[in-house]
Amino acid sequence: MAGLAARLTELGVLEDRYGADLDLTEGLAPGEVLEGLELEACRFDGCVLEEAVLRDCTFTDCTFTGSNLSMADLAGSRFTDCRFVDCKALAVQWSRAAPAPLSARPWDFERCRLDLGSFRDAEAAGSRFADCSVREVDLAGADLRRTDLGGCDLAGATFAGTDLREASLVGASGYVVDPAENRVRGLRVDAAAAGGILRAMGLVVEG
């Protein structure tokens, strides 16, 4: 099967450095590089991009569904108003991507596996993580104001110097957030999981 680069060449995208409204199902080999492309309103369905390099690309209003981005290198790429649905994206350094200041939601994930990744120091205010696995993800120093982490598994996730003001952890599980080390004013939690905050404060939660 022809790969994504061959498909984009066929469509003239590599020559024009721009493509829009494309349905793409092809993938990239580990280490294969896409650089400096602008893709708008494209749909990536079942694409295997594991260990691929997406360097200095711009994705606007794109949707990634059922795709594998594990260990992909996103250095310098910008994702504006993009969605990731049912994707596997293990050990991705999301903080290497370029900020998307014009995006309504810097990151929008639904039912994705994001384990072992990093959003360290990322500008991600207003993002959405819905029913995702965010196990052992580095969220230290990240701006997660107004971010919805509802229904996420956050076991082993690192919160240190994280801005969680007005964020929501309602329905999330496994997290331990120390209010002394993070900004939590207005953070929404549910009673069942609030023990993660109390334990971080050194309190013993029983029952």
N, C-alpha and C. Protein backbone atom coordinates (compact mmCIF):
# COMPACT_ATOMS: atom_id res chain seq x y z
N MET A 1 0.85 -1.19 0.00
CA MET A 1 0.00 0.00 0.00
C MET A 1 0.89 1.25 0.00
N ALA A 2 0.54 2.20 -0.83
CA ALA A 2 1.32 3.43 -0.88
C ALA A 2 1.18 4.19 0.42
N GLY A 3 2.25 4.87 0.82
CA GLY A 3 2.24 5.60 2.07
C GLY A 3 1.65 6.99 1.92
N LEU A 4 1.60 7.68 3.05
CA LEU A 4 1.01 9.01 3.07
C LEU A 4 1.78 9.99 2.19
N ALA A 5 3.10 9.92 2.22
CA ALA A 5 3.89 10.85 1.40
C ALA A 5 3.59 10.66 -0.08
N ALA A 6 3.47 9.39 -0.51
CA ALA A 6 3.15 9.12 -1.91
C ALA A 6 1.77 9.64 -2.27
N ARG A 7 0.83 9.48 -1.35
CA ARG A 7 -0.54 9.96 -1.58
C ARG A 7 -0.56 11.49 -1.70
N LEU A 8 0.17 12.17 -0.83
CA LEU A 8 0.22 13.63 -0.89
C LEU A 8 0.93 14.12 -2.13
N THR A 9 1.92 13.36 -2.59
CA THR A 9 2.59 13.70 -3.85
C THR A 9 1.61 13.58 -5.01
N GLU A 10 0.85 12.50 -5.00
CA GLU A 10 -0.15 12.27 -6.06
C GLU A 10 -1.18 13.39 -6.10
N LEU A 11 -1.52 13.93 -4.94
CA LEU A 11 -2.52 15.00 -4.86
C LEU A 11 -1.92 16.38 -5.08
N GLY A 12 -0.61 16.45 -5.26
CA GLY A 12 0.05 17.73 -5.48
C GLY A 12 0.33 18.53 -4.22
N VAL A 13 0.08 17.90 -3.06
CA VAL A 13 0.24 18.63 -1.80
C VAL A 13 1.71 18.90 -1.49
N LEU A 14 2.58 17.93 -1.76
CA LEU A 14 3.99 18.14 -1.46
C LEU A 14 4.59 19.25 -2.31
N GLU A 15 4.10 19.39 -3.53
CA GLU A 15 4.61 20.45 -4.41
C GLU A 15 4.06 21.81 -3.99
N ASP A 16 2.74 21.85 -3.70
CA ASP A 16 2.11 23.12 -3.33
C ASP A 16 2.33 23.48 -1.86
N ARG A 17 2.72 22.51 -1.06
CA ARG A 17 2.88 22.67 0.39
C ARG A 17 1.56 22.96 1.08
N TYR A 18 0.45 22.67 0.40
CA TYR A 18 -0.88 22.96 0.97
C TYR A 18 -1.88 21.93 0.46
N GLY A 19 -2.77 21.50 1.37
CA GLY A 19 -3.85 20.61 0.98
C GLY A 19 -5.06 20.85 1.86
N ALA A 20 -6.26 20.67 1.30
CA ALA A 20 -7.48 20.93 2.07
C ALA A 20 -8.56 19.90 1.73
N ASP A 21 -9.38 19.60 2.74
CA ASP A 21 -10.56 18.74 2.57
C ASP A 21 -10.20 17.38 1.98
N LEU A 22 -9.18 16.75 2.54
CA LEU A 22 -8.71 15.46 2.04
C LEU A 22 -9.07 14.35 3.01
N ASP A 23 -9.42 13.19 2.47
CA ASP A 23 -9.62 11.99 3.27
C ASP A 23 -8.37 11.14 3.12
N LEU A 24 -7.65 10.96 4.22
CA LEU A 24 -6.36 10.28 4.18
C LEU A 24 -6.38 9.06 5.09
N THR A 25 -5.94 7.93 4.57
CA THR A 25 -5.89 6.69 5.35
C THR A 25 -4.49 6.09 5.38
N GLU A 26 -3.58 6.68 4.64
CA GLU A 26 -2.23 6.13 4.54
C GLU A 26 -1.39 6.54 5.76
N GLY A 27 -0.25 5.88 5.93
CA GLY A 27 0.61 6.17 7.06
C GLY A 27 2.01 6.55 6.64
N LEU A 28 2.86 6.70 7.64
CA LEU A 28 4.27 7.00 7.43
C LEU A 28 5.10 5.93 8.13
N ALA A 29 6.23 5.59 7.54
CA ALA A 29 7.14 4.63 8.16
C ALA A 29 7.84 5.29 9.35
N PRO A 30 8.28 4.50 10.33
CA PRO A 30 9.03 5.07 11.44
C PRO A 30 10.22 5.90 10.94
N GLY A 31 10.33 7.12 11.43
CA GLY A 31 11.42 8.00 11.02
C GLY A 31 11.15 8.78 9.76
N GLU A 32 10.09 8.45 9.03
CA GLU A 32 9.76 9.19 7.80
C GLU A 32 9.31 10.60 8.17
N VAL A 33 9.68 11.57 7.34
CA VAL A 33 9.49 12.98 7.68
C VAL A 33 8.50 13.66 6.74
N LEU A 34 7.55 14.38 7.32
CA LEU A 34 6.75 15.36 6.59
C LEU A 34 7.12 16.72 7.17
N GLU A 35 7.49 17.65 6.31
CA GLU A 35 7.99 18.92 6.81
C GLU A 35 7.37 20.10 6.06
N GLY A 36 6.94 21.10 6.84
CA GLY A 36 6.53 22.37 6.27
C GLY A 36 5.25 22.34 5.47
N LEU A 37 4.36 21.38 5.74
CA LEU A 37 3.09 21.31 5.01
C LEU A 37 1.99 22.02 5.78
N GLU A 38 1.02 22.55 5.04
CA GLU A 38 -0.18 23.12 5.65
C GLU A 38 -1.38 22.31 5.18
N LEU A 39 -2.08 21.70 6.14
CA LEU A 39 -3.23 20.86 5.84
C LEU A 39 -4.45 21.41 6.57
N GLU A 40 -5.53 21.60 5.83
CA GLU A 40 -6.72 22.22 6.40
C GLU A 40 -7.94 21.35 6.15
N ALA A 41 -8.74 21.15 7.22
CA ALA A 41 -9.99 20.39 7.14
C ALA A 41 -9.79 19.00 6.55
N CYS A 42 -8.68 18.38 6.90
CA CYS A 42 -8.39 17.02 6.41
C CYS A 42 -8.80 16.00 7.46
N ARG A 43 -9.11 14.79 6.99
CA ARG A 43 -9.54 13.71 7.88
C ARG A 43 -8.54 12.56 7.77
N PHE A 44 -7.89 12.28 8.88
CA PHE A 44 -6.93 11.18 8.96
C PHE A 44 -7.63 10.00 9.64
N ASP A 45 -7.92 8.97 8.88
CA ASP A 45 -8.70 7.85 9.40
C ASP A 45 -7.86 6.58 9.42
N GLY A 46 -7.53 6.11 10.61
CA GLY A 46 -6.76 4.88 10.73
C GLY A 46 -5.33 5.00 10.26
N CYS A 47 -4.78 6.18 10.27
CA CYS A 47 -3.40 6.38 9.79
C CYS A 47 -2.39 5.91 10.84
N VAL A 48 -1.39 5.18 10.38
CA VAL A 48 -0.31 4.74 11.27
C VAL A 48 0.86 5.71 11.10
N LEU A 49 1.07 6.51 12.13
CA LEU A 49 2.13 7.53 12.11
C LEU A 49 3.13 7.28 13.24
N GLU A 50 3.19 6.05 13.69
CA GLU A 50 4.05 5.69 14.81
C GLU A 50 5.52 5.99 14.50
N GLU A 51 6.14 6.78 15.38
CA GLU A 51 7.54 7.18 15.25
C GLU A 51 7.82 8.02 14.01
N ALA A 52 6.78 8.55 13.39
CA ALA A 52 6.98 9.44 12.24
C ALA A 52 7.37 10.83 12.73
N VAL A 53 7.89 11.66 11.82
CA VAL A 53 8.31 13.02 12.16
C VAL A 53 7.42 14.00 11.39
N LEU A 54 6.63 14.77 12.12
CA LEU A 54 5.80 15.82 11.52
C LEU A 54 6.42 17.14 11.96
N ARG A 55 7.26 17.69 11.11
CA ARG A 55 8.09 18.84 11.51
C ARG A 55 7.60 20.13 10.86
N ASP A 56 7.32 21.12 11.70
CA ASP A 56 6.96 22.46 11.22
C ASP A 56 5.78 22.43 10.26
N CYS A 57 4.82 21.53 10.52
CA CYS A 57 3.60 21.48 9.72
C CYS A 57 2.49 22.25 10.43
N THR A 58 1.47 22.64 9.67
CA THR A 58 0.32 23.32 10.24
C THR A 58 -0.94 22.53 9.90
N PHE A 59 -1.65 22.12 10.95
CA PHE A 59 -2.90 21.39 10.78
C PHE A 59 -4.02 22.26 11.33
N THR A 60 -5.01 22.55 10.49
CA THR A 60 -6.12 23.41 10.90
C THR A 60 -7.44 22.70 10.64
N ASP A 61 -8.28 22.60 11.67
CA ASP A 61 -9.59 21.96 11.54
C ASP A 61 -9.48 20.53 11.01
N CYS A 62 -8.44 19.82 11.40
CA CYS A 62 -8.26 18.43 10.98
C CYS A 62 -8.77 17.48 12.06
N THR A 63 -9.18 16.29 11.64
CA THR A 63 -9.64 15.26 12.56
C THR A 63 -8.82 13.99 12.37
N PHE A 64 -8.28 13.48 13.46
CA PHE A 64 -7.55 12.22 13.47
C PHE A 64 -8.43 11.19 14.18
N THR A 65 -8.84 10.15 13.45
CA THR A 65 -9.72 9.14 14.03
C THR A 65 -9.08 7.76 13.94
N GLY A 66 -9.01 7.07 15.06
CA GLY A 66 -8.47 5.71 15.06
C GLY A 66 -7.06 5.62 14.54
N SER A 67 -6.29 6.67 14.70
CA SER A 67 -4.92 6.70 14.17
C SER A 67 -3.91 6.41 15.28
N ASN A 68 -2.72 5.99 14.87
CA ASN A 68 -1.65 5.66 15.81
C ASN A 68 -0.53 6.69 15.65
N LEU A 69 -0.36 7.53 16.66
CA LEU A 69 0.70 8.55 16.65
C LEU A 69 1.76 8.27 17.71
N SER A 70 1.82 7.04 18.20
CA SER A 70 2.74 6.73 19.29
C SER A 70 4.18 7.11 18.92
N MET A 71 4.82 7.83 19.83
CA MET A 71 6.22 8.25 19.69
C MET A 71 6.47 9.10 18.46
N ALA A 72 5.42 9.70 17.90
CA ALA A 72 5.61 10.62 16.78
C ALA A 72 6.31 11.89 17.28
N ASP A 73 7.11 12.48 16.42
CA ASP A 73 7.82 13.72 16.73
C ASP A 73 7.07 14.88 16.08
N LEU A 74 6.50 15.74 16.91
CA LEU A 74 5.67 16.84 16.41
C LEU A 74 6.40 18.18 16.44
N ALA A 75 7.71 18.16 16.41
CA ALA A 75 8.52 19.36 16.63
C ALA A 75 8.11 20.51 15.71
N GLY A 76 7.66 21.61 16.32
CA GLY A 76 7.35 22.81 15.56
C GLY A 76 6.04 22.78 14.82
N SER A 77 5.30 21.68 14.87
CA SER A 77 4.02 21.62 14.16
C SER A 77 2.92 22.26 15.01
N ARG A 78 1.97 22.87 14.33
CA ARG A 78 0.88 23.56 15.01
C ARG A 78 -0.45 22.89 14.68
N PHE A 79 -1.25 22.63 15.71
CA PHE A 79 -2.56 22.01 15.54
C PHE A 79 -3.61 23.01 16.02
N THR A 80 -4.35 23.59 15.09
CA THR A 80 -5.35 24.59 15.42
C THR A 80 -6.75 24.02 15.20
N ASP A 81 -7.53 23.95 16.28
CA ASP A 81 -8.90 23.43 16.22
C ASP A 81 -8.95 22.03 15.60
N CYS A 82 -8.02 21.18 15.99
CA CYS A 82 -8.00 19.79 15.53
C CYS A 82 -8.58 18.88 16.60
N ARG A 83 -9.09 17.72 16.18
CA ARG A 83 -9.65 16.74 17.12
C ARG A 83 -8.96 15.40 16.93
N PHE A 84 -8.77 14.70 18.04
CA PHE A 84 -8.21 13.35 18.04
C PHE A 84 -9.24 12.43 18.70
N VAL A 85 -9.74 11.45 17.96
CA VAL A 85 -10.79 10.57 18.47
C VAL A 85 -10.35 9.12 18.35
N ASP A 86 -10.43 8.38 19.46
CA ASP A 86 -10.08 6.95 19.46
C ASP A 86 -8.67 6.71 18.92
N CYS A 87 -7.76 7.59 19.24
CA CYS A 87 -6.38 7.45 18.77
C CYS A 87 -5.48 6.84 19.84
N LYS A 88 -4.43 6.19 19.39
CA LYS A 88 -3.37 5.70 20.27
C LYS A 88 -2.17 6.60 20.06
N ALA A 89 -1.73 7.24 21.14
CA ALA A 89 -0.62 8.20 21.01
C ALA A 89 0.24 8.09 22.27
N LEU A 90 0.98 7.00 22.36
CA LEU A 90 1.80 6.74 23.54
C LEU A 90 3.14 7.45 23.42
N ALA A 91 3.62 7.96 24.56
CA ALA A 91 4.97 8.54 24.65
C ALA A 91 5.20 9.67 23.64
N VAL A 92 4.19 10.50 23.44
CA VAL A 92 4.33 11.66 22.55
C VAL A 92 4.69 12.89 23.38
N GLN A 93 5.67 13.63 22.92
CA GLN A 93 6.07 14.88 23.59
C GLN A 93 5.24 16.02 22.98
N TRP A 94 4.00 16.15 23.45
CA TRP A 94 3.09 17.15 22.90
C TRP A 94 3.62 18.56 23.08
N SER A 95 4.41 18.77 24.10
CA SER A 95 4.93 20.12 24.35
C SER A 95 5.95 20.57 23.30
N ARG A 96 6.40 19.66 22.44
CA ARG A 96 7.30 20.04 21.34
C ARG A 96 6.54 20.69 20.18
N ALA A 97 5.22 20.53 20.17
CA ALA A 97 4.42 21.17 19.12
C ALA A 97 4.39 22.68 19.37
N ALA A 98 4.17 23.43 18.30
CA ALA A 98 4.09 24.89 18.43
C ALA A 98 2.76 25.28 19.06
N PRO A 99 2.73 26.33 19.87
CA PRO A 99 1.47 26.80 20.44
C PRO A 99 0.49 27.21 19.34
N ALA A 100 -0.80 27.07 19.65
CA ALA A 100 -1.85 27.46 18.70
C ALA A 100 -2.74 28.49 19.37
N PRO A 101 -2.28 29.75 19.45
CA PRO A 101 -3.00 30.76 20.23
C PRO A 101 -4.39 31.09 19.70
N LEU A 102 -4.66 30.80 18.43
CA LEU A 102 -5.97 31.11 17.86
C LEU A 102 -6.95 29.95 17.97
N SER A 103 -6.50 28.84 18.56
CA SER A 103 -7.35 27.66 18.65
C SER A 103 -8.31 27.78 19.83
N ALA A 104 -9.59 27.48 19.58
CA ALA A 104 -10.57 27.50 20.66
C ALA A 104 -10.21 26.47 21.73
N ARG A 105 -9.70 25.32 21.28
CA ARG A 105 -9.21 24.28 22.18
C ARG A 105 -7.83 23.88 21.69
N PRO A 106 -6.77 24.26 22.39
CA PRO A 106 -5.43 23.89 21.93
C PRO A 106 -5.28 22.40 21.66
N TRP A 107 -5.88 21.57 22.53
CA TRP A 107 -5.87 20.12 22.32
C TRP A 107 -7.27 19.59 22.60
N ASP A 108 -7.75 18.72 21.73
CA ASP A 108 -9.09 18.14 21.89
C ASP A 108 -9.00 16.64 21.65
N PHE A 109 -9.01 15.88 22.76
CA PHE A 109 -8.87 14.42 22.69
C PHE A 109 -10.13 13.75 23.21
N GLU A 110 -10.57 12.71 22.52
CA GLU A 110 -11.73 11.94 22.96
C GLU A 110 -11.43 10.45 22.86
N ARG A 111 -11.50 9.78 24.00
CA ARG A 111 -11.25 8.32 24.08
C ARG A 111 -9.89 7.95 23.49
N CYS A 112 -8.88 8.72 23.82
CA CYS A 112 -7.53 8.45 23.30
C CYS A 112 -6.63 7.87 24.39
N ARG A 113 -5.64 7.11 23.98
CA ARG A 113 -4.61 6.59 24.88
C ARG A 113 -3.38 7.47 24.76
N LEU A 114 -3.11 8.24 25.80
CA LEU A 114 -2.04 9.23 25.77
C LEU A 114 -0.94 8.90 26.78
N ASP A 115 -0.92 7.67 27.27
CA ASP A 115 -0.02 7.27 28.34
C ASP A 115 1.45 7.58 28.00
N LEU A 116 2.19 7.91 29.07
CA LEU A 116 3.65 8.08 29.00
C LEU A 116 4.09 9.29 28.18
N GLY A 117 3.15 10.16 27.85
CA GLY A 117 3.48 11.35 27.07
C GLY A 117 3.84 12.53 27.95
N SER A 118 4.00 13.69 27.35
CA SER A 118 4.38 14.88 28.10
C SER A 118 3.71 16.13 27.54
N PHE A 119 3.09 16.86 28.46
CA PHE A 119 2.60 18.22 28.18
C PHE A 119 3.35 19.22 29.06
N ARG A 120 4.56 18.87 29.46
CA ARG A 120 5.34 19.71 30.38
C ARG A 120 5.46 21.13 29.82
N ASP A 121 5.04 22.10 30.64
CA ASP A 121 5.12 23.53 30.29
C ASP A 121 4.30 23.90 29.06
N ALA A 122 3.36 23.04 28.67
CA ALA A 122 2.56 23.32 27.47
C ALA A 122 1.52 24.41 27.74
N GLU A 123 1.24 25.20 26.71
CA GLU A 123 0.18 26.20 26.78
C GLU A 123 -1.09 25.53 26.27
N ALA A 124 -1.88 24.99 27.21
CA ALA A 124 -3.01 24.15 26.83
C ALA A 124 -4.31 24.58 27.49
N ALA A 125 -4.42 25.84 27.87
CA ALA A 125 -5.63 26.33 28.53
C ALA A 125 -6.84 26.12 27.63
N GLY A 126 -7.92 25.59 28.22
CA GLY A 126 -9.15 25.38 27.46
C GLY A 126 -9.19 24.10 26.68
N SER A 127 -8.23 23.21 26.88
CA SER A 127 -8.21 21.94 26.15
C SER A 127 -9.28 20.99 26.69
N ARG A 128 -9.51 19.92 25.96
CA ARG A 128 -10.48 18.90 26.38
C ARG A 128 -9.86 17.52 26.26
N PHE A 129 -9.91 16.77 27.36
CA PHE A 129 -9.49 15.37 27.39
C PHE A 129 -10.71 14.60 27.88
N ALA A 130 -11.44 13.98 26.99
CA ALA A 130 -12.68 13.30 27.37
C ALA A 130 -12.48 11.79 27.37
N ASP A 131 -12.62 11.18 28.57
CA ASP A 131 -12.55 9.71 28.69
C ASP A 131 -11.26 9.15 28.11
N CYS A 132 -10.15 9.81 28.39
CA CYS A 132 -8.85 9.38 27.87
C CYS A 132 -8.03 8.68 28.94
N SER A 133 -7.08 7.87 28.50
CA SER A 133 -6.09 7.30 29.40
C SER A 133 -4.88 8.23 29.37
N VAL A 134 -4.61 8.84 30.53
CA VAL A 134 -3.54 9.83 30.64
C VAL A 134 -2.56 9.35 31.72
N ARG A 135 -2.33 8.07 31.74
CA ARG A 135 -1.51 7.46 32.78
C ARG A 135 -0.03 7.82 32.61
N GLU A 136 0.58 8.21 33.72
CA GLU A 136 2.01 8.53 33.76
C GLU A 136 2.40 9.61 32.74
N VAL A 137 1.51 10.54 32.53
CA VAL A 137 1.79 11.67 31.64
C VAL A 137 2.35 12.83 32.46
N ASP A 138 3.34 13.50 31.93
CA ASP A 138 3.98 14.63 32.61
C ASP A 138 3.19 15.91 32.30
N LEU A 139 2.51 16.42 33.33
CA LEU A 139 1.74 17.65 33.19
C LEU A 139 2.36 18.79 33.99
N ALA A 140 3.61 18.61 34.41
CA ALA A 140 4.29 19.61 35.23
C ALA A 140 4.43 20.93 34.47
N GLY A 141 4.07 22.01 35.14
CA GLY A 141 4.25 23.33 34.56
C GLY A 141 3.27 23.68 33.45
N ALA A 142 2.35 22.79 33.14
CA ALA A 142 1.42 23.03 32.04
C ALA A 142 0.33 24.03 32.44
N ASP A 143 -0.09 24.83 31.49
CA ASP A 143 -1.22 25.73 31.69
C ASP A 143 -2.48 24.97 31.28
N LEU A 144 -3.20 24.46 32.28
CA LEU A 144 -4.42 23.68 32.02
C LEU A 144 -5.65 24.42 32.54
N ARG A 145 -5.59 25.73 32.60
CA ARG A 145 -6.77 26.48 33.02
C ARG A 145 -7.97 26.15 32.13
N ARG A 146 -9.12 25.97 32.77
CA ARG A 146 -10.39 25.71 32.07
C ARG A 146 -10.35 24.43 31.24
N THR A 147 -9.40 23.57 31.51
CA THR A 147 -9.29 22.32 30.76
C THR A 147 -10.21 21.27 31.37
N ASP A 148 -10.89 20.51 30.53
CA ASP A 148 -11.79 19.45 30.98
C ASP A 148 -11.08 18.11 30.87
N LEU A 149 -10.84 17.48 32.03
CA LEU A 149 -10.22 16.16 32.08
C LEU A 149 -11.23 15.12 32.54
N GLY A 150 -12.48 15.36 32.28
CA GLY A 150 -13.55 14.50 32.75
C GLY A 150 -13.44 13.07 32.24
N GLY A 151 -13.58 12.12 33.17
CA GLY A 151 -13.58 10.71 32.79
C GLY A 151 -12.22 10.14 32.47
N CYS A 152 -11.15 10.88 32.73
CA CYS A 152 -9.81 10.40 32.38
C CYS A 152 -9.20 9.56 33.50
N ASP A 153 -8.37 8.60 33.11
CA ASP A 153 -7.55 7.84 34.05
C ASP A 153 -6.21 8.55 34.15
N LEU A 154 -5.94 9.14 35.30
CA LEU A 154 -4.74 9.96 35.49
C LEU A 154 -3.74 9.30 36.44
N ALA A 155 -3.81 7.98 36.57
CA ALA A 155 -2.91 7.27 37.48
C ALA A 155 -1.46 7.54 37.11
N GLY A 156 -0.69 7.99 38.07
CA GLY A 156 0.73 8.23 37.84
C GLY A 156 1.05 9.51 37.10
N ALA A 157 0.04 10.30 36.74
CA ALA A 157 0.30 11.57 36.06
C ALA A 157 0.97 12.54 37.02
N THR A 158 1.87 13.36 36.49
CA THR A 158 2.64 14.29 37.31
C THR A 158 2.02 15.68 37.26
N PHE A 159 1.60 16.16 38.44
CA PHE A 159 1.13 17.53 38.59
C PHE A 159 2.12 18.26 39.49
N ALA A 160 2.85 19.21 38.96
CA ALA A 160 3.81 19.99 39.74
C ALA A 160 3.94 21.36 39.08
N GLY A 161 3.51 22.39 39.77
CA GLY A 161 3.51 23.72 39.16
C GLY A 161 2.52 23.81 38.02
N THR A 162 1.51 22.96 38.06
CA THR A 162 0.48 22.93 37.00
C THR A 162 -0.62 23.93 37.33
N ASP A 163 -1.07 24.67 36.33
CA ASP A 163 -2.15 25.64 36.54
C ASP A 163 -3.47 24.96 36.21
N LEU A 164 -4.22 24.62 37.25
CA LEU A 164 -5.50 23.92 37.09
C LEU A 164 -6.68 24.81 37.46
N ARG A 165 -6.49 26.10 37.46
CA ARG A 165 -7.58 27.00 37.83
C ARG A 165 -8.77 26.84 36.87
N GLU A 166 -9.94 26.63 37.48
CA GLU A 166 -11.20 26.48 36.75
C GLU A 166 -11.21 25.27 35.81
N ALA A 167 -10.27 24.35 36.02
CA ALA A 167 -10.29 23.10 35.25
C ALA A 167 -11.29 22.14 35.89
N SER A 168 -11.56 21.03 35.22
CA SER A 168 -12.49 20.04 35.76
C SER A 168 -11.86 18.66 35.78
N LEU A 169 -11.89 18.04 36.98
CA LEU A 169 -11.48 16.65 37.14
C LEU A 169 -12.68 15.78 37.51
N VAL A 170 -13.88 16.29 37.26
CA VAL A 170 -15.09 15.54 37.58
C VAL A 170 -15.13 14.26 36.74
N GLY A 171 -15.26 13.13 37.43
CA GLY A 171 -15.30 11.85 36.73
C GLY A 171 -13.94 11.26 36.45
N ALA A 172 -12.87 12.02 36.73
CA ALA A 172 -11.51 11.50 36.52
C ALA A 172 -11.11 10.64 37.71
N SER A 173 -10.10 9.80 37.51
CA SER A 173 -9.67 8.90 38.57
C SER A 173 -8.15 8.79 38.60
N GLY A 174 -7.64 8.34 39.75
CA GLY A 174 -6.22 8.02 39.86
C GLY A 174 -5.29 9.18 40.10
N TYR A 175 -5.80 10.40 40.14
CA TYR A 175 -4.91 11.55 40.24
C TYR A 175 -4.55 11.87 41.70
N VAL A 176 -3.38 12.46 41.86
CA VAL A 176 -2.95 13.01 43.15
C VAL A 176 -2.46 14.43 42.87
N VAL A 177 -3.21 15.40 43.36
CA VAL A 177 -2.89 16.81 43.11
C VAL A 177 -2.68 17.50 44.45
N ASP A 178 -1.50 18.04 44.66
CA ASP A 178 -1.18 18.75 45.89
C ASP A 178 -1.49 20.23 45.70
N PRO A 179 -2.49 20.77 46.43
CA PRO A 179 -2.82 22.19 46.28
C PRO A 179 -1.67 23.11 46.62
N ALA A 180 -0.71 22.63 47.40
CA ALA A 180 0.43 23.47 47.77
C ALA A 180 1.42 23.61 46.62
N GLU A 181 1.36 22.70 45.66
CA GLU A 181 2.33 22.71 44.56
C GLU A 181 1.71 23.08 43.22
N ASN A 182 0.40 23.26 43.20
CA ASN A 182 -0.31 23.55 41.95
C ASN A 182 -1.32 24.66 42.19
N ARG A 183 -1.72 25.32 41.12
CA ARG A 183 -2.73 26.39 41.22
C ARG A 183 -4.09 25.76 40.99
N VAL A 184 -4.94 25.77 42.00
CA VAL A 184 -6.17 24.98 41.94
C VAL A 184 -7.44 25.80 42.23
N ARG A 185 -7.34 27.10 42.31
CA ARG A 185 -8.55 27.88 42.61
C ARG A 185 -9.60 27.64 41.52
N GLY A 186 -10.80 27.26 41.96
CA GLY A 186 -11.89 27.01 41.02
C GLY A 186 -11.85 25.64 40.37
N LEU A 187 -10.87 24.79 40.74
CA LEU A 187 -10.80 23.43 40.19
C LEU A 187 -12.02 22.64 40.63
N ARG A 188 -12.67 21.97 39.70
CA ARG A 188 -13.86 21.19 40.00
C ARG A 188 -13.50 19.71 40.11
N VAL A 189 -13.90 19.11 41.22
CA VAL A 189 -13.69 17.68 41.45
C VAL A 189 -14.99 17.10 41.99
N ASP A 190 -15.11 15.76 41.94
CA ASP A 190 -16.27 15.14 42.56
C ASP A 190 -15.86 14.52 43.89
N ALA A 191 -16.85 14.28 44.74
CA ALA A 191 -16.57 13.80 46.09
C ALA A 191 -15.85 12.46 46.08
N ALA A 192 -16.22 11.59 45.15
CA ALA A 192 -15.66 10.24 45.13
C ALA A 192 -14.16 10.24 44.89
N ALA A 193 -13.67 11.18 44.12
CA ALA A 193 -12.25 11.18 43.75
C ALA A 193 -11.45 12.26 44.46
N ALA A 194 -12.10 13.07 45.28
CA ALA A 194 -11.39 14.16 45.95
C ALA A 194 -10.33 13.65 46.91
N GLY A 195 -10.37 12.36 47.23
CA GLY A 195 -9.35 11.79 48.10
C GLY A 195 -7.96 11.95 47.54
N GLY A 196 -7.84 12.05 46.23
CA GLY A 196 -6.53 12.25 45.61
C GLY A 196 -5.90 13.56 46.02
N ILE A 197 -6.73 14.55 46.29
CA ILE A 197 -6.22 15.84 46.76
C ILE A 197 -5.93 15.77 48.26
N LEU A 198 -6.83 15.12 49.00
CA LEU A 198 -6.62 15.01 50.44
C LEU A 198 -5.38 14.19 50.77
N ARG A 199 -5.15 13.11 50.02
CA ARG A 199 -3.97 12.29 50.27
C ARG A 199 -2.69 13.09 50.00
N ALA A 200 -2.72 13.93 48.97
CA ALA A 200 -1.54 14.74 48.66
C ALA A 200 -1.24 15.73 49.78
N MET A 201 -2.26 16.07 50.57
CA MET A 201 -2.09 16.99 51.69
C MET A 201 -1.67 16.26 52.96
N GLY A 202 -1.50 14.93 52.86
CA GLY A 202 -1.07 14.16 54.02
C GLY A 202 -2.20 13.66 54.89
N LEU A 203 -3.44 13.82 54.43
CA LEU A 203 -4.58 13.34 55.20
C LEU A 203 -4.86 11.88 54.87
N VAL A 204 -5.41 11.16 55.83
CA VAL A 204 -5.76 9.76 55.64
C VAL A 204 -7.24 9.69 55.29
N VAL A 205 -7.54 9.13 54.12
CA VAL A 205 -8.92 9.02 53.66
C VAL A 205 -9.41 7.61 53.94
N GLU A 206 -10.46 7.49 54.72
CA GLU A 206 -11.02 6.18 55.05
C GLU A 206 -12.43 6.05 54.50
N GLY A 207 -12.84 4.79 54.29
CA GLY A 207 -14.19 4.54 53.84
C GLY A 207 -14.33 4.63 52.34
